[in-house]
Amino acid sequence: MSGFAANLKKIRKSSNITQRTLGEHLGYQYTAIANYESGRNEPSIDDLIKIAEFFDVTMDYLVGREIGKG
């Protein structure tokens, strides 16, 4: 599982948001969220921005990038 997949699942669950609710907010089916969380697919930059804005986190956090580590 990629850093993104694990972080998305963690933040979604800790926010008590269902895959369906997140998918509806972003304008696609919950299966897209399930595929992101399983690592089968990764979001476009535009969708990554939408997800970061929805959860009020940075894109760096979502993708598992540590600040200052290049």
C-alpha atoms as a PDB file:
ATOM      1  CA  MET A   1       0.000   0.000   0.000  1.00  0.00           C
ATOM      2  CA  SER A   2       1.399   3.369  -0.980  1.00  0.00           C
ATOM      3  CA  GLY A   3       1.806   6.222   1.463  1.00  0.00           C
ATOM      4  CA  PHE A   4      -1.108   7.956  -0.223  1.00  0.00           C
ATOM      5  CA  ALA A   5      -3.387   4.931   0.070  1.00  0.00           C
ATOM      6  CA  ALA A   6      -2.638   4.456   3.762  1.00  0.00           C
ATOM      7  CA  ASN A   7      -2.903   8.157   4.593  1.00  0.00           C
ATOM      8  CA  LEU A   8      -6.181   8.596   2.725  1.00  0.00           C
ATOM      9  CA  LYS A   9      -7.728   5.634   4.513  1.00  0.00           C
ATOM     10  CA  LYS A  10      -6.426   6.820   7.897  1.00  0.00           C
ATOM     11  CA  ILE A  11      -7.655  10.397   7.555  1.00  0.00           C
ATOM     12  CA  ARG A  12     -10.994   9.340   6.084  1.00  0.00           C
ATOM     13  CA  LYS A  13     -11.683   6.904   8.906  1.00  0.00           C
ATOM     14  CA  SER A  14     -10.499   9.273  11.632  1.00  0.00           C
ATOM     15  CA  SER A  15     -12.873  11.896  10.180  1.00  0.00           C
ATOM     16  CA  ASN A  16     -15.762   9.388  10.190  1.00  0.00           C
ATOM     17  CA  ILE A  17     -16.300   9.885   6.456  1.00  0.00           C
ATOM     18  CA  THR A  18     -17.492   6.975   4.327  1.00  0.00           C
ATOM     19  CA  GLN A  19     -16.012   6.163   0.956  1.00  0.00           C
ATOM     20  CA  ARG A  20     -19.408   6.957  -0.540  1.00  0.00           C
ATOM     21  CA  THR A  21     -19.577  10.400   1.105  1.00  0.00           C
ATOM     22  CA  LEU A  22     -16.072  11.306  -0.018  1.00  0.00           C
ATOM     23  CA  GLY A  23     -16.774  10.059  -3.529  1.00  0.00           C
ATOM     24  CA  GLU A  24     -19.981  12.085  -3.734  1.00  0.00           C
ATOM     25  CA  HIS A  25     -18.184  15.222  -2.576  1.00  0.00           C
ATOM     26  CA  LEU A  26     -15.513  14.740  -5.229  1.00  0.00           C
ATOM     27  CA  GLY A  27     -18.012  13.870  -7.949  1.00  0.00           C
ATOM     28  CA  TYR A  28     -17.336  10.179  -8.514  1.00  0.00           C
ATOM     29  CA  GLN A  29     -18.307   6.739  -7.257  1.00  0.00           C
ATOM     30  CA  TYR A  30     -17.179   5.311  -3.933  1.00  0.00           C
ATOM     31  CA  THR A  31     -15.338   2.612  -5.872  1.00  0.00           C
ATOM     32  CA  ALA A  32     -12.818   5.262  -6.943  1.00  0.00           C
ATOM     33  CA  ILE A  33     -12.065   5.896  -3.265  1.00  0.00           C
ATOM     34  CA  ALA A  34     -11.817   2.161  -2.610  1.00  0.00           C
ATOM     35  CA  ASN A  35      -9.363   1.877  -5.497  1.00  0.00           C
ATOM     36  CA  TYR A  36      -7.279   4.757  -4.124  1.00  0.00           C
ATOM     37  CA  GLU A  37      -7.192   3.188  -0.679  1.00  0.00           C
ATOM     38  CA  SER A  38      -6.185  -0.219  -2.017  1.00  0.00           C
ATOM     39  CA  GLY A  39      -3.433   1.295  -4.154  1.00  0.00           C
ATOM     40  CA  ARG A  40      -4.991   0.120  -7.431  1.00  0.00           C
ATOM     41  CA  ASN A  41      -5.324   3.699  -8.695  1.00  0.00           C
ATOM     42  CA  GLU A  42      -3.864   7.066  -7.802  1.00  0.00           C
ATOM     43  CA  PRO A  43      -5.621  10.417  -8.181  1.00  0.00           C
ATOM     44  CA  SER A  44      -4.797  13.097 -10.690  1.00  0.00           C
ATOM     45  CA  ILE A  45      -3.152  16.238  -9.322  1.00  0.00           C
ATOM     46  CA  ASP A  46      -6.517  18.026  -9.535  1.00  0.00           C
ATOM     47  CA  ASP A  47      -8.213  15.297  -7.504  1.00  0.00           C
ATOM     48  CA  LEU A  48      -5.344  15.214  -5.015  1.00  0.00           C
ATOM     49  CA  ILE A  49      -5.868  18.944  -4.467  1.00  0.00           C
ATOM     50  CA  LYS A  50      -9.617  18.390  -3.938  1.00  0.00           C
ATOM     51  CA  ILE A  51      -8.965  15.633  -1.400  1.00  0.00           C
ATOM     52  CA  ALA A  52      -6.397  17.759   0.471  1.00  0.00           C
ATOM     53  CA  GLU A  53      -8.831  20.682   0.569  1.00  0.00           C
ATOM     54  CA  PHE A  54     -11.694  18.452   1.723  1.00  0.00           C
ATOM     55  CA  PHE A  55      -9.671  17.200   4.698  1.00  0.00           C
ATOM     56  CA  ASP A  56      -7.805  20.494   5.222  1.00  0.00           C
ATOM     57  CA  VAL A  57      -4.368  18.865   4.948  1.00  0.00           C
ATOM     58  CA  THR A  58      -1.407  19.365   2.646  1.00  0.00           C
ATOM     59  CA  MET A  59      -0.808  17.283  -0.436  1.00  0.00           C
ATOM     60  CA  ASP A  60       2.581  16.405   1.096  1.00  0.00           C
ATOM     61  CA  TYR A  61       0.776  14.819   4.024  1.00  0.00           C
ATOM     62  CA  LEU A  62      -1.537  12.840   1.741  1.00  0.00           C
ATOM     63  CA  VAL A  63       1.293  11.383  -0.322  1.00  0.00           C
ATOM     64  CA  GLY A  64       3.439  10.643   2.719  1.00  0.00           C
ATOM     65  CA  ARG A  65       6.172  13.100   1.883  1.00  0.00           C
ATOM     66  CA  GLU A  66       8.106  14.365   4.847  1.00  0.00           C
ATOM     67  CA  ILE A  67       8.833  18.072   4.661  1.00  0.00           C
ATOM     68  CA  GLY A  68      12.534  18.804   4.300  1.00  0.00           C
ATOM     69  CA  LYS A  69      13.384  15.301   3.052  1.00  0.00           C
ATOM     70  CA  GLY A  70      13.574  16.326  -0.607  1.00  0.00           C
END
